[in-house]
């Protein structure tokens, strides 16, 4: 028997199964999600605070934003490759330059920005 005939016979044998669209057995249902042993355990969330080093026409400054609250800005030395209107943001363990689409890219994190991001949050509780 030629390979063409063998292929043709296989197709003819499988064609009725494809056309019916129904199988004799119903599809297995997915398992129900298990109830958590600790209902208060929530998924880990990203921190809401973001740390920036921004360049204005006069200076560079480091500040943080937590939701809608902006911290007081602290003057710092300007990186040479940061243009006016751009800023550098800490993103996990790296930094990203923002401000213009063509210059948005990962950059080396400035020390002043890393030290601000490493500071623990100050809370008023005791």
Protein backbone atom coordinates (compact mmCIF):
# COMPACT_ATOMS: atom_id res chain seq x y z
CA UNK A 1 0.00 0.00 0.00
CA UNK A 2 1.38 3.45 -0.89
CA UNK A 3 1.84 6.19 1.69
CA UNK A 4 -0.83 8.25 -0.08
CA UNK A 5 -3.40 5.48 0.31
CA UNK A 6 -2.47 4.94 3.95
CA UNK A 7 -2.94 8.63 4.68
CA UNK A 8 -6.22 8.71 2.79
CA UNK A 9 -7.57 5.70 4.72
CA UNK A 10 -6.61 7.30 8.02
CA UNK A 11 -8.37 10.53 7.07
CA UNK A 12 -11.50 8.68 6.00
CA UNK A 13 -11.52 6.71 9.24
CA UNK A 14 -11.09 9.83 11.41
CA UNK A 15 -13.47 12.09 9.49
CA UNK A 16 -16.70 10.85 11.11
CA UNK A 17 -15.27 11.43 14.58
CA UNK A 18 -14.38 15.04 13.68
CA UNK A 19 -17.75 15.79 12.11
CA UNK A 20 -19.89 14.66 15.00
CA UNK A 21 -18.47 17.28 17.37
CA UNK A 22 -19.79 15.27 20.29
CA UNK A 23 -18.00 12.62 22.22
CA UNK A 24 -19.57 9.70 23.98
CA UNK A 25 -18.07 10.79 27.31
CA UNK A 26 -18.63 14.26 28.76
CA UNK A 27 -15.55 16.39 29.33
CA UNK A 28 -14.20 16.20 32.85
CA UNK A 29 -15.10 19.19 34.99
CA UNK A 30 -12.23 21.17 36.47
CA UNK A 31 -11.66 20.60 40.17
CA UNK A 32 -13.33 23.08 42.49
CA UNK A 33 -10.96 25.60 44.06
CA UNK A 34 -9.83 24.52 47.47
CA UNK A 35 -10.93 26.67 50.37
CA UNK A 36 -7.92 28.32 51.94
CA UNK A 37 -6.96 27.16 55.40
CA UNK A 38 -6.38 30.80 56.31
CA UNK A 39 -9.15 32.94 54.79
CA UNK A 40 -7.40 36.12 55.90
CA UNK A 41 -4.29 35.30 53.85
CA UNK A 42 -4.25 37.68 50.89
CA UNK A 43 -2.15 37.66 47.76
CA UNK A 44 1.05 39.68 48.08
CA UNK A 45 0.66 43.20 46.71
CA UNK A 46 3.14 45.59 45.18
CA UNK A 47 4.25 48.45 47.37
CA UNK A 48 2.33 51.65 46.69
CA UNK A 49 5.37 53.88 47.19
CA UNK A 50 7.51 54.91 44.19
CA UNK A 51 10.89 56.64 44.37
CA UNK A 52 12.07 59.18 41.78
CA UNK A 53 15.09 61.31 40.91
CA UNK A 54 13.88 64.16 38.69
CA UNK A 55 15.74 66.91 36.85
CA UNK A 56 14.29 70.41 36.69
CA UNK A 57 15.83 73.45 34.97
CA UNK A 58 17.59 74.45 38.20
CA UNK A 59 18.49 71.20 39.97
CA UNK A 60 17.92 67.49 40.54
CA UNK A 61 15.81 66.24 43.41
CA UNK A 62 14.88 62.94 44.98
CA UNK A 63 11.35 62.35 46.23
CA UNK A 64 8.80 59.58 46.67
CA UNK A 65 5.11 59.23 45.89
CA UNK A 66 2.82 57.01 47.96
CA UNK A 67 -0.54 56.89 46.20
CA UNK A 68 -1.37 60.63 46.09
CA UNK A 69 1.05 61.81 48.79
CA UNK A 70 4.31 63.34 47.56
CA UNK A 71 7.22 63.54 49.98
CA UNK A 72 9.32 66.69 50.35
CA UNK A 73 11.99 66.82 47.65
CA UNK A 74 15.67 66.62 48.59
CA UNK A 75 18.34 68.22 46.38
CA UNK A 76 20.92 65.85 44.96
CA UNK A 77 23.65 65.76 42.31
CA UNK A 78 22.40 65.39 38.72
CA UNK A 79 23.41 62.41 36.60
CA UNK A 80 25.17 63.69 33.45
CA UNK A 81 22.87 61.90 31.01
CA UNK A 82 19.57 63.02 32.58
CA UNK A 83 17.90 65.79 30.58
CA UNK A 84 15.62 68.51 31.96
CA UNK A 85 12.09 67.12 32.41
CA UNK A 86 13.24 63.50 32.69
CA UNK A 87 13.26 61.38 35.82
CA UNK A 88 14.60 58.04 36.99
CA UNK A 89 12.30 55.65 38.85
CA UNK A 90 13.28 52.66 40.98
CA UNK A 91 11.59 49.52 39.61
CA UNK A 92 12.35 46.56 41.84
CA UNK A 93 16.10 46.03 41.69
CA UNK A 94 16.65 48.24 38.65
CA UNK A 95 15.90 51.78 37.50
CA UNK A 96 14.11 53.20 34.46
CA UNK A 97 14.55 56.60 32.82
CA UNK A 98 11.20 58.23 31.99
CA UNK A 99 10.10 61.48 30.42
CA UNK A 100 10.51 61.09 26.67
CA UNK A 101 9.49 58.06 24.62
CA UNK A 102 12.73 57.80 22.66
CA UNK A 103 14.86 57.88 25.85
CA UNK A 104 12.77 55.57 28.06
CA UNK A 105 15.17 52.79 28.96
CA UNK A 106 16.79 50.97 31.89
CA UNK A 107 19.65 52.94 33.48
CA UNK A 108 22.14 52.59 36.31
CA UNK A 109 20.45 53.53 39.59
CA UNK A 110 21.95 56.67 41.17
CA UNK A 111 23.19 56.19 44.74
CA UNK A 112 20.99 58.96 46.16
CA UNK A 113 17.90 57.30 44.72
CA UNK A 114 18.85 53.85 46.00
CA UNK A 115 19.54 55.16 49.50
CA UNK A 116 16.12 56.82 49.60
CA UNK A 117 14.41 53.66 48.41
CA UNK A 118 16.26 51.60 51.03
CA UNK A 119 15.07 53.77 53.95
CA UNK A 120 12.32 52.13 55.96
CA UNK A 121 8.95 53.83 55.95
CA UNK A 122 8.40 55.95 59.03
CA UNK A 123 5.19 55.20 60.86
CA UNK A 124 3.71 57.11 63.75
CA UNK A 125 2.68 53.98 65.64
CA UNK A 126 4.59 52.60 68.52
